[in-house]
């Protein structure tokens, strides 16, 4: 059957909703740092103001060339437009559900809360430094872990010098908290 008559599935929207529901525990807020919120906002504005208009221009040009059934620019452009629109909807939902938390309010505190940068020592003697951030900001390779992760949950509310227990797939691990840091408040 010709692809022109086959409706593509909107399962991606369902996938986005499932990812949103799985990432944030039921009934919990979508915590995010001010910089994470700004990054989402910047991506959304880039998609709306730059990427989408450029793709629309290309699709319009490709459509004016005639036969669309074998026009690669048109077919790819329409697919890319759907991807951009899907991402715009997802980011808009994320921004609507976001609860911005400024970690600098805890500056000077030695207790672990959202936004803390924690250095700890595990049972194997390995030192790790992680920053507890929102689910939309996580970047494990840069030491940014989600507040819903097992490590972040174990660390939360502990203080410098505390030794906490973490259940891992390999067994129990003890983490000694060496330092807790927060960003300095920005004064205008």
Protein backbone atom coordinates (compact mmCIF):
# COMPACT_ATOMS: atom_id res chain seq x y z
CA UNK A 1 0.00 0.00 0.00
CA UNK A 2 1.21 3.51 -0.75
CA UNK A 3 2.67 5.29 2.28
CA UNK A 4 0.57 8.34 1.49
CA UNK A 5 -2.53 6.45 2.62
CA UNK A 6 -1.09 4.94 5.77
CA UNK A 7 -1.50 6.96 8.96
CA UNK A 8 1.56 6.83 11.13
CA UNK A 9 0.97 5.87 14.74
CA UNK A 10 0.85 8.51 17.45
CA UNK A 11 2.39 6.05 19.91
CA UNK A 12 5.25 8.47 20.48
CA UNK A 13 2.86 10.76 22.38
CA UNK A 14 1.90 7.80 24.52
CA UNK A 15 5.60 6.99 24.97
CA UNK A 16 6.25 10.54 26.19
CA UNK A 17 3.40 10.27 28.69
CA UNK A 18 4.69 6.93 29.95
CA UNK A 19 8.25 8.30 30.28
CA UNK A 20 6.90 11.28 32.21
CA UNK A 21 4.90 9.05 34.52
CA UNK A 22 7.78 6.64 35.12
CA UNK A 23 10.42 9.27 35.77
CA UNK A 24 8.52 11.11 38.50
CA UNK A 25 6.94 9.15 41.35
CA UNK A 26 3.15 9.31 41.49
CA UNK A 27 1.96 12.32 43.44
CA UNK A 28 5.44 13.90 43.50
CA UNK A 29 6.35 17.24 42.03
CA UNK A 30 8.64 17.62 39.02
CA UNK A 31 11.51 19.33 40.86
CA UNK A 32 14.02 21.17 38.70
CA UNK A 33 16.82 23.68 39.29
CA UNK A 34 16.59 27.19 37.81
CA UNK A 35 19.35 26.34 35.31
CA UNK A 36 17.54 23.14 34.27
CA UNK A 37 14.31 25.07 33.75
CA UNK A 38 16.18 27.63 31.66
CA UNK A 39 17.72 24.85 29.52
CA UNK A 40 14.26 23.42 28.77
CA UNK A 41 12.96 26.90 27.98
CA UNK A 42 15.93 27.59 25.67
CA UNK A 43 15.39 24.31 23.79
CA UNK A 44 11.68 25.04 23.42
CA UNK A 45 12.35 28.53 22.06
CA UNK A 46 14.98 27.15 19.66
CA UNK A 47 12.46 24.64 18.31
CA UNK A 48 9.67 27.21 17.98
CA UNK A 49 11.65 30.18 16.68
CA UNK A 50 14.38 28.54 14.57
CA UNK A 51 14.05 24.82 13.83
CA UNK A 52 10.32 24.58 13.08
CA UNK A 53 10.17 27.63 10.73
CA UNK A 54 13.18 26.31 8.79
CA UNK A 55 11.59 22.87 8.34
CA UNK A 56 8.26 24.47 7.34
CA UNK A 57 10.13 26.52 4.71
CA UNK A 58 11.80 23.38 3.31
CA UNK A 59 8.52 21.41 3.28
CA UNK A 60 6.75 24.29 1.54
CA UNK A 61 9.50 24.48 -1.08
CA UNK A 62 9.47 20.67 -1.57
CA UNK A 63 5.67 20.62 -1.89
CA UNK A 64 5.83 23.26 -4.61
CA UNK A 65 8.03 20.93 -6.69
CA UNK A 66 5.09 18.70 -7.59
CA UNK A 67 4.83 14.95 -6.94
CA UNK A 68 5.14 14.45 -3.18
CA UNK A 69 5.06 10.64 -3.10
CA UNK A 70 8.74 10.28 -4.01
CA UNK A 71 9.98 13.67 -2.90
CA UNK A 72 12.59 12.96 -0.20
CA UNK A 73 12.74 16.55 1.02
CA UNK A 74 8.98 16.61 1.48
CA UNK A 75 8.72 13.19 3.15
CA UNK A 76 11.70 13.77 5.47
CA UNK A 77 10.55 17.32 6.21
CA UNK A 78 7.06 16.21 7.22
CA UNK A 79 8.54 13.51 9.46
CA UNK A 80 10.95 16.03 11.04
CA UNK A 81 8.06 18.46 11.55
CA UNK A 82 6.12 15.79 13.45
CA UNK A 83 9.20 15.10 15.62
CA UNK A 84 9.63 18.80 16.38
CA UNK A 85 5.94 19.21 17.23
CA UNK A 86 6.06 16.15 19.48
CA UNK A 87 9.13 17.54 21.29
CA UNK A 88 7.47 20.95 21.66
CA UNK A 89 4.42 19.31 23.27
CA UNK A 90 6.65 17.26 25.59
CA UNK A 91 8.75 20.26 26.68
CA UNK A 92 5.63 22.37 27.21
CA UNK A 93 4.17 19.69 29.49
CA UNK A 94 7.46 19.45 31.38
CA UNK A 95 7.58 23.21 31.89
CA UNK A 96 3.95 23.25 33.03
CA UNK A 97 4.61 20.53 35.61
CA UNK A 98 8.00 21.89 36.73
CA UNK A 99 8.49 23.03 40.31
CA UNK A 100 11.61 25.22 40.30
CA UNK A 101 13.73 24.82 43.43
CA UNK A 102 16.71 27.10 44.03
CA UNK A 103 19.40 25.04 45.82
CA UNK A 104 21.25 28.19 46.91
CA UNK A 105 18.72 28.63 49.76
CA UNK A 106 20.66 25.86 51.53
CA UNK A 107 24.06 27.53 51.02
CA UNK A 108 26.31 26.77 54.00
CA UNK A 109 24.12 23.87 55.16
CA UNK A 110 25.77 20.47 55.73
CA UNK A 111 22.56 18.47 55.20
CA UNK A 112 21.74 16.94 51.82
CA UNK A 113 18.70 18.30 49.98
CA UNK A 114 17.74 18.79 46.33
CA UNK A 115 20.51 20.61 44.46
CA UNK A 116 23.33 19.55 46.77
CA UNK A 117 26.71 18.53 45.45
CA UNK A 118 27.79 15.60 47.60
CA UNK A 119 31.18 13.94 47.80
CA UNK A 120 31.09 10.49 49.36
CA UNK A 121 33.32 7.46 49.87
CA UNK A 122 31.92 3.98 49.22
CA UNK A 123 32.90 0.68 50.85
CA UNK A 124 35.45 -0.03 48.09
CA UNK A 125 37.24 3.21 48.98
CA UNK A 126 36.17 5.00 45.78
CA UNK A 127 35.35 8.69 46.08
CA UNK A 128 32.39 9.99 44.09
CA UNK A 129 30.96 13.47 43.65
CA UNK A 130 27.34 13.84 42.55
CA UNK A 131 24.89 16.71 42.24
CA UNK A 132 21.23 15.95 42.94
CA UNK A 133 19.09 17.46 40.17
CA UNK A 134 15.69 17.06 38.50
CA UNK A 135 14.79 14.14 36.23
CA UNK A 136 15.08 16.39 33.17
CA UNK A 137 18.61 17.48 34.07
CA UNK A 138 20.33 14.21 34.84
CA UNK A 139 23.69 13.52 33.26
CA UNK A 140 25.39 10.59 35.00
CA UNK A 141 28.65 11.06 33.08
CA UNK A 142 28.95 14.54 34.60
CA UNK A 143 27.90 13.39 38.07
CA UNK A 144 24.37 14.82 37.85
CA UNK A 145 21.91 12.30 39.29
CA UNK A 146 18.13 12.51 39.54
CA UNK A 147 16.56 13.15 42.93
CA UNK A 148 14.50 9.96 42.44
CA UNK A 149 17.57 7.75 41.96
CA UNK A 150 18.41 5.26 44.72
CA UNK A 151 21.71 7.01 45.54
CA UNK A 152 20.04 10.44 45.82
CA UNK A 153 17.24 9.04 47.96
CA UNK A 154 19.77 7.40 50.28
CA UNK A 155 21.80 10.61 50.55
CA UNK A 156 18.85 12.95 51.12
CA UNK A 157 18.65 14.39 54.64
CA UNK A 158 22.00 12.90 55.66
CA UNK A 159 24.75 15.23 56.89
CA UNK A 160 28.49 15.57 56.39
CA UNK A 161 30.25 12.79 58.31
CA UNK A 162 27.22 10.46 58.27
CA UNK A 163 27.56 6.89 57.03
CA UNK A 164 24.46 5.69 55.20
CA UNK A 165 23.42 2.33 53.81
CA UNK A 166 22.57 1.87 50.14
CA UNK A 167 20.96 -1.26 48.74
CA UNK A 168 22.51 -2.10 45.36
CA UNK A 169 22.07 -5.07 43.01
CA UNK A 170 25.48 -6.28 44.23
CA UNK A 171 24.43 -6.04 47.87
CA UNK A 172 24.66 -3.48 50.64
CA UNK A 173 27.08 -0.57 50.26
CA UNK A 174 27.97 1.96 52.91
CA UNK A 175 28.54 5.55 51.87
CA UNK A 176 30.44 8.01 54.04
CA UNK A 177 29.50 11.59 53.26
CA UNK A 178 32.68 13.66 53.02
CA UNK A 179 31.23 17.03 51.97
CA UNK A 180 27.96 18.76 51.08
CA UNK A 181 27.99 21.93 49.00
CA UNK A 182 25.37 24.27 47.55
CA UNK A 183 25.79 27.11 45.05
CA UNK A 184 26.14 30.60 46.49
CA UNK A 185 23.00 32.74 46.35
CA UNK A 186 23.01 35.26 43.55
CA UNK A 187 22.62 38.78 44.88
CA UNK A 188 21.41 41.50 42.59
